[in-house]
C-alpha atoms as a PDB file:
ATOM      1  CA  MET A   1     -61.897  86.094-163.893  1.00  0.00           C
ATOM      2  CA  ASN A   2     -61.892  88.287-166.707  1.00  0.00           C
ATOM      3  CA  ALA A   3     -59.456  89.861-168.640  1.00  0.00           C
ATOM      4  CA  GLN A   4     -59.743  93.354-167.170  1.00  0.00           C
ATOM      5  CA  SER A   5     -59.138  92.347-163.468  1.00  0.00           C
ATOM      6  CA  THR A   6     -55.899  90.321-164.250  1.00  0.00           C
ATOM      7  CA  SER A   7     -54.382  92.918-166.104  1.00  0.00           C
ATOM      8  CA  VAL A   8     -51.756  95.288-164.458  1.00  0.00           C
ATOM      9  CA  THR A   9     -52.423  98.718-164.665  1.00  0.00           C
ATOM     10  CA  LYS A  10     -49.627 100.661-166.694  1.00  0.00           C
ATOM     11  CA  LYS A  11     -47.884 103.270-164.716  1.00  0.00           C
ATOM     12  CA  PRO A  12     -46.579 106.284-166.804  1.00  0.00           C
ATOM     13  CA  SER A  13     -42.916 106.490-167.594  1.00  0.00           C
ATOM     14  CA  ILE A  14     -40.870 108.377-165.106  1.00  0.00           C
ATOM     15  CA  VAL A  15     -39.003 111.795-166.512  1.00  0.00           C
ATOM     16  CA  LEU A  16     -37.108 114.223-165.084  1.00  0.00           C
ATOM     17  CA  THR A  17     -38.776 117.722-166.292  1.00  0.00           C
ATOM     18  CA  ALA A  18     -37.244 120.795-165.896  1.00  0.00           C
ATOM     19  CA  GLY A  19     -38.971 122.954-163.113  1.00  0.00           C
ATOM     20  CA  SER A  20     -39.455 120.197-160.672  1.00  0.00           C
ATOM     21  CA  LYS A  21     -38.399 120.201-157.432  1.00  0.00           C
ATOM     22  CA  VAL A  22     -35.671 117.960-156.564  1.00  0.00           C
ATOM     23  CA  LYS A  23     -33.512 116.995-153.318  1.00  0.00           C
ATOM     24  CA  VAL A  24     -29.828 115.698-154.503  1.00  0.00           C
ATOM     25  CA  ARG A  25     -27.481 113.991-152.736  1.00  0.00           C
ATOM     26  CA  SER A  26     -24.103 113.998-154.666  1.00  0.00           C
ATOM     27  CA  ALA A  27     -20.125 113.012-153.564  1.00  0.00           C
ATOM     28  CA  GLY A  28     -19.559 115.918-151.024  1.00  0.00           C
ATOM     29  CA  THR A  29     -16.810 115.775-148.302  1.00  0.00           C
ATOM     30  CA  ARG A  30     -15.079 112.442-147.418  1.00  0.00           C
ATOM     31  CA  ASP A  31     -17.667 111.459-144.500  1.00  0.00           C
ATOM     32  CA  ASP A  32     -20.925 113.544-145.729  1.00  0.00           C
ATOM     33  CA  ALA A  33     -23.128 113.880-149.246  1.00  0.00           C
ATOM     34  CA  LEU A  34     -23.641 117.144-150.561  1.00  0.00           C
ATOM     35  CA  VAL A  35     -27.211 117.733-150.405  1.00  0.00           C
ATOM     36  CA  SER A  36     -28.884 120.522-152.944  1.00  0.00           C
ATOM     37  CA  THR A  37     -32.193 121.054-152.772  1.00  0.00           C
ATOM     38  CA  GLY A  38     -34.117 123.202-155.534  1.00  0.00           C
ATOM     39  CA  VAL A  39     -35.350 123.512-159.013  1.00  0.00           C
ATOM     40  CA  PHE A  40     -34.252 121.361-161.911  1.00  0.00           C
ATOM     41  CA  ARG A  41     -33.303 123.673-164.574  1.00  0.00           C
ATOM     42  CA  GLY A  42     -31.678 121.085-167.158  1.00  0.00           C
ATOM     43  CA  LEU A  43     -28.971 119.143-168.426  1.00  0.00           C
ATOM     44  CA  VAL A  44     -25.651 121.224-169.241  1.00  0.00           C
ATOM     45  CA  SER A  45     -22.518 119.841-170.807  1.00  0.00           C
ATOM     46  CA  VAL A  46     -19.218 121.283-169.472  1.00  0.00           C
ATOM     47  CA  GLY A  47     -15.864 119.875-171.308  1.00  0.00           C
ATOM     48  CA  GLY A  48     -17.772 117.244-172.278  1.00  0.00           C
ATOM     49  CA  ASP A  49     -19.241 115.954-169.077  1.00  0.00           C
ATOM     50  CA  ASN A  50     -22.801 116.431-168.204  1.00  0.00           C
ATOM     51  CA  SER A  51     -24.032 117.573-165.056  1.00  0.00           C
ATOM     52  CA  LEU A  52     -27.463 118.566-163.545  1.00  0.00           C
ATOM     53  CA  ALA A  53     -28.230 122.018-163.247  1.00  0.00           C
ATOM     54  CA  VAL A  54     -30.233 122.943-159.977  1.00  0.00           C
ATOM     55  CA  GLU A  55     -31.406 126.451-158.805  1.00  0.00           C
ATOM     56  CA  LEU A  56     -31.096 126.556-155.024  1.00  0.00           C
ATOM     57  CA  ASP A  57     -34.165 127.236-153.046  1.00  0.00           C
ATOM     58  CA  GLY A  58     -33.781 129.124-149.798  1.00  0.00           C
ATOM     59  CA  THR A  59     -32.371 125.976-147.531  1.00  0.00           C
ATOM     60  CA  VAL A  60     -29.262 127.862-147.127  1.00  0.00           C
ATOM     61  CA  LYS A  61     -29.845 131.219-147.377  1.00  0.00           C
ATOM     62  CA  GLU A  62     -26.670 132.474-148.942  1.00  0.00           C
ATOM     63  CA  GLU A  63     -27.104 129.975-151.709  1.00  0.00           C
ATOM     64  CA  LYS A  64     -30.647 130.966-152.742  1.00  0.00           C
ATOM     65  CA  GLY A  65     -31.316 131.417-156.440  1.00  0.00           C
ATOM     66  CA  LYS A  66     -27.640 130.009-157.227  1.00  0.00           C
ATOM     67  CA  ILE A  67     -27.402 127.303-159.894  1.00  0.00           C
ATOM     68  CA  ARG A  68     -25.592 124.482-158.799  1.00  0.00           C
ATOM     69  CA  LEU A  69     -23.858 122.195-161.744  1.00  0.00           C
ATOM     70  CA  ILE A  70     -24.032 118.248-160.082  1.00  0.00           C
ATOM     71  CA  PRO A  71     -21.548 115.858-162.560  1.00  0.00           C
ATOM     72  CA  LEU A  72     -23.370 113.046-163.290  1.00  0.00           C
ATOM     73  CA  ASN A  73     -20.532 110.693-162.439  1.00  0.00           C
ATOM     74  CA  ALA A  74     -21.135 112.465-158.511  1.00  0.00           C
ATOM     75  CA  LEU A  75     -24.480 111.938-158.280  1.00  0.00           C
ATOM     76  CA  LEU A  76     -25.422 109.619-155.403  1.00  0.00           C
ATOM     77  CA  ALA A  77     -29.445 109.893-155.223  1.00  0.00           C
ATOM     78  CA  LEU A  78     -32.127 111.925-156.670  1.00  0.00           C
ATOM     79  CA  ASP A  79     -35.227 112.970-155.168  1.00  0.00           C
ATOM     80  CA  VAL A  80     -38.218 114.227-157.094  1.00  0.00           C
ATOM     81  CA  LEU A  81     -40.204 115.882-154.434  1.00  0.00           C
ATOM     82  CA  GLU A  82     -42.474 117.735-157.008  1.00  0.00           C
ATOM     83  CA  ALA A  83     -42.366 116.860-160.654  1.00  0.00           C
ATOM     84  CA  ALA A  84     -43.546 119.610-163.277  1.00  0.00           C
ATOM     85  CA  LYS A  85     -45.653 118.397-166.115  1.00  0.00           C
ATOM     86  CA  PRO A  86     -43.595 118.305-169.462  1.00  0.00           C
ATOM     87  CA  GLU A  87     -44.051 121.135-171.770  1.00  0.00           C
ATOM     88  CA  GLU A  88     -46.238 120.259-174.785  1.00  0.00           C
ATOM     89  CA  GLU A  89     -44.215 120.164-178.034  1.00  0.00           C
ATOM     90  CA  LYS A  90     -44.152 123.034-179.907  1.00  0.00           C
ATOM     91  CA  ARG A  91     -45.170 122.606-183.293  1.00  0.00           C
ATOM     92  CA  VAL A  92     -43.837 124.805-186.208  1.00  0.00           C
ATOM     93  CA  ASP A  93     -45.475 125.597-189.461  1.00  0.00           C
ATOM     94  CA  PRO A  94     -42.596 124.476-192.147  1.00  0.00           C
ATOM     95  CA  GLY A  95     -43.617 127.564-194.782  1.00  0.00           C
ATOM     96  CA  THR A  96     -43.096 129.833-191.460  1.00  0.00           C
ATOM     97  CA  PRO A  97     -39.425 131.625-192.168  1.00  0.00           C
ATOM     98  CA  GLY A  98     -37.345 130.834-189.391  1.00  0.00           C
ATOM     99  CA  TYR A  99     -37.146 134.026-187.791  1.00  0.00           C
ATOM    100  CA  PHE A 100     -40.288 134.043-186.933  1.00  0.00           C
ATOM    101  CA  ARG A 101     -40.237 130.688-184.726  1.00  0.00           C
END
């Protein structure tokens, strides 16, 4: 066996990026979890607690387009249905005044 055949293929690290389609199960009623499907918009801090911001899709008609904040401590499971590619880091020319950035 040569070294190439024994090496393990390195998988890319998992990153939850804004724009990814997700399905989130979080603490709901006593007997049922709350299921939210939509587009991950980012992390939000409210009163020192971090929450996932999810723009809800049309799974429940009345909720389409609403933003649901799910506290991280209420998170039970998160399925990434379709990962969005991370945006390229924007490089800023240090000689450019701040109001042109």
